[in-house]
């Protein structure tokens, strides 16, 4: 159902669901940057197409309403990864 609603919104904006998602991320603030990965030039071109979308505040609210935060929120990495991350690094202080 979620996928269908995103496709409907993307059609409304004349783009793909991926472009709409990237455009939404780009509108979240100057300190938020999407990092989409791809191995195909056509997908890179498609991702770049998200820069052409100009979303209003109403558009952003409508998109946000389609994706329930409890369906997408959560940890990205498991505990094993976190224990190896910078949070637990033992970096010596820099000599001044």
C-alpha atoms as a PDB file:
ATOM      1  CA  UNK A   1       0.000   0.000   0.000  1.00  0.00           C
ATOM      2  CA  UNK A   2       2.819   2.427   0.871  1.00  0.00           C
ATOM      3  CA  UNK A   3       4.519   1.793  -2.476  1.00  0.00           C
ATOM      4  CA  UNK A   4       1.294   2.496  -4.359  1.00  0.00           C
ATOM      5  CA  UNK A   5       0.753   5.794  -2.524  1.00  0.00           C
ATOM      6  CA  UNK A   6       4.309   6.918  -3.280  1.00  0.00           C
ATOM      7  CA  UNK A   7       3.857   6.046  -6.951  1.00  0.00           C
ATOM      8  CA  UNK A   8       0.659   8.106  -7.024  1.00  0.00           C
ATOM      9  CA  UNK A   9       2.450  11.105  -5.481  1.00  0.00           C
ATOM     10  CA  UNK A  10       5.375  10.697  -7.884  1.00  0.00           C
ATOM     11  CA  UNK A  11       2.964  10.677 -10.832  1.00  0.00           C
ATOM     12  CA  UNK A  12       1.416  13.872  -9.468  1.00  0.00           C
ATOM     13  CA  UNK A  13       4.857  15.525  -9.532  1.00  0.00           C
ATOM     14  CA  UNK A  14       5.867  14.016 -12.873  1.00  0.00           C
ATOM     15  CA  UNK A  15       8.770  12.002 -11.478  1.00  0.00           C
ATOM     16  CA  UNK A  16       9.730   8.563 -10.228  1.00  0.00           C
ATOM     17  CA  UNK A  17       9.220   7.492  -6.601  1.00  0.00           C
ATOM     18  CA  UNK A  18      13.025   7.493  -6.146  1.00  0.00           C
ATOM     19  CA  UNK A  19      13.267  11.065  -7.426  1.00  0.00           C
ATOM     20  CA  UNK A  20      10.459  12.125  -5.104  1.00  0.00           C
ATOM     21  CA  UNK A  21      12.173  10.505  -2.112  1.00  0.00           C
ATOM     22  CA  UNK A  22      15.495  12.178  -2.937  1.00  0.00           C
ATOM     23  CA  UNK A  23      13.804  15.546  -3.463  1.00  0.00           C
ATOM     24  CA  UNK A  24      12.052  15.179  -0.100  1.00  0.00           C
ATOM     25  CA  UNK A  25      15.395  14.492   1.582  1.00  0.00           C
ATOM     26  CA  UNK A  26      16.974  17.497  -0.159  1.00  0.00           C
ATOM     27  CA  UNK A  27      14.216  19.693   1.294  1.00  0.00           C
ATOM     28  CA  UNK A  28      14.873  18.586   4.896  1.00  0.00           C
ATOM     29  CA  UNK A  29      17.532  21.221   5.540  1.00  0.00           C
ATOM     30  CA  UNK A  30      21.010  22.359   4.594  1.00  0.00           C
ATOM     31  CA  UNK A  31      22.567  19.835   6.972  1.00  0.00           C
ATOM     32  CA  UNK A  32      20.929  16.795   5.333  1.00  0.00           C
ATOM     33  CA  UNK A  33      22.423  15.170   2.243  1.00  0.00           C
ATOM     34  CA  UNK A  34      21.127  12.061   0.486  1.00  0.00           C
ATOM     35  CA  UNK A  35      23.776   9.570  -0.546  1.00  0.00           C
ATOM     36  CA  UNK A  36      22.153   7.330  -3.145  1.00  0.00           C
ATOM     37  CA  UNK A  37      24.241   4.509  -4.497  1.00  0.00           C
ATOM     38  CA  UNK A  38      24.083   3.124  -8.008  1.00  0.00           C
ATOM     39  CA  UNK A  39      26.159   1.218 -10.516  1.00  0.00           C
ATOM     40  CA  UNK A  40      24.247   2.345 -13.594  1.00  0.00           C
ATOM     41  CA  UNK A  41      24.516   5.684 -15.407  1.00  0.00           C
ATOM     42  CA  UNK A  42      20.769   5.711 -16.162  1.00  0.00           C
ATOM     43  CA  UNK A  43      20.058   5.522 -12.408  1.00  0.00           C
ATOM     44  CA  UNK A  44      22.572   8.297 -11.726  1.00  0.00           C
ATOM     45  CA  UNK A  45      20.810  10.473 -14.296  1.00  0.00           C
ATOM     46  CA  UNK A  46      17.497   9.571 -12.697  1.00  0.00           C
ATOM     47  CA  UNK A  47      18.823  10.544  -9.251  1.00  0.00           C
ATOM     48  CA  UNK A  48      20.117  13.862 -10.587  1.00  0.00           C
ATOM     49  CA  UNK A  49      16.612  14.511 -11.927  1.00  0.00           C
ATOM     50  CA  UNK A  50      15.436  14.891  -8.323  1.00  0.00           C
ATOM     51  CA  UNK A  51      17.211  18.264  -8.209  1.00  0.00           C
ATOM     52  CA  UNK A  52      14.620  19.653 -10.644  1.00  0.00           C
ATOM     53  CA  UNK A  53      11.724  19.032  -8.266  1.00  0.00           C
ATOM     54  CA  UNK A  54      10.571  22.067  -6.339  1.00  0.00           C
ATOM     55  CA  UNK A  55       8.366  20.965  -3.460  1.00  0.00           C
ATOM     56  CA  UNK A  56       6.130  23.292  -1.489  1.00  0.00           C
ATOM     57  CA  UNK A  57       5.587  22.980   2.257  1.00  0.00           C
ATOM     58  CA  UNK A  58       2.220  21.379   1.466  1.00  0.00           C
ATOM     59  CA  UNK A  59       3.958  18.837  -0.809  1.00  0.00           C
ATOM     60  CA  UNK A  60       6.464  18.000   1.928  1.00  0.00           C
ATOM     61  CA  UNK A  61       3.662  17.508   4.462  1.00  0.00           C
ATOM     62  CA  UNK A  62       1.742  15.299   2.028  1.00  0.00           C
ATOM     63  CA  UNK A  63       4.798  13.124   1.367  1.00  0.00           C
ATOM     64  CA  UNK A  64       5.593  12.907   5.080  1.00  0.00           C
ATOM     65  CA  UNK A  65       2.018  11.837   5.795  1.00  0.00           C
ATOM     66  CA  UNK A  66       2.314   8.940   3.339  1.00  0.00           C
ATOM     67  CA  UNK A  67       5.345   7.430   5.077  1.00  0.00           C
ATOM     68  CA  UNK A  68       4.617   6.654   8.748  1.00  0.00           C
ATOM     69  CA  UNK A  69       7.749   7.381  10.797  1.00  0.00           C
ATOM     70  CA  UNK A  70       7.355   4.147  12.787  1.00  0.00           C
ATOM     71  CA  UNK A  71       7.739   2.197   9.522  1.00  0.00           C
ATOM     72  CA  UNK A  72      11.116   3.715   8.625  1.00  0.00           C
ATOM     73  CA  UNK A  73      12.700   4.802  11.915  1.00  0.00           C
ATOM     74  CA  UNK A  74      15.199   2.661  13.707  1.00  0.00           C
ATOM     75  CA  UNK A  75      18.792   1.623  13.908  1.00  0.00           C
ATOM     76  CA  UNK A  76      20.619   1.148  10.638  1.00  0.00           C
ATOM     77  CA  UNK A  77      23.474  -0.876  12.060  1.00  0.00           C
ATOM     78  CA  UNK A  78      23.530  -3.634  14.627  1.00  0.00           C
ATOM     79  CA  UNK A  79      25.409  -3.615  17.919  1.00  0.00           C
ATOM     80  CA  UNK A  80      28.429  -5.393  16.428  1.00  0.00           C
ATOM     81  CA  UNK A  81      29.018  -2.576  13.955  1.00  0.00           C
ATOM     82  CA  UNK A  82      28.475   0.169  16.526  1.00  0.00           C
ATOM     83  CA  UNK A  83      31.058  -1.350  18.862  1.00  0.00           C
ATOM     84  CA  UNK A  84      33.649  -0.893  16.080  1.00  0.00           C
ATOM     85  CA  UNK A  85      32.630   2.662  15.224  1.00  0.00           C
ATOM     86  CA  UNK A  86      34.236   5.979  16.095  1.00  0.00           C
ATOM     87  CA  UNK A  87      32.083   6.232  19.213  1.00  0.00           C
ATOM     88  CA  UNK A  88      34.270   3.635  20.878  1.00  0.00           C
ATOM     89  CA  UNK A  89      37.590   4.567  19.286  1.00  0.00           C
ATOM     90  CA  UNK A  90      40.584   5.130  21.534  1.00  0.00           C
ATOM     91  CA  UNK A  91      42.261   7.939  19.623  1.00  0.00           C
ATOM     92  CA  UNK A  92      45.222   9.592  21.341  1.00  0.00           C
ATOM     93  CA  UNK A  93      45.085  13.372  21.731  1.00  0.00           C
ATOM     94  CA  UNK A  94      46.751  15.502  19.050  1.00  0.00           C
ATOM     95  CA  UNK A  95      50.131  16.947  20.030  1.00  0.00           C
ATOM     96  CA  UNK A  96      49.970  20.709  19.953  1.00  0.00           C
END
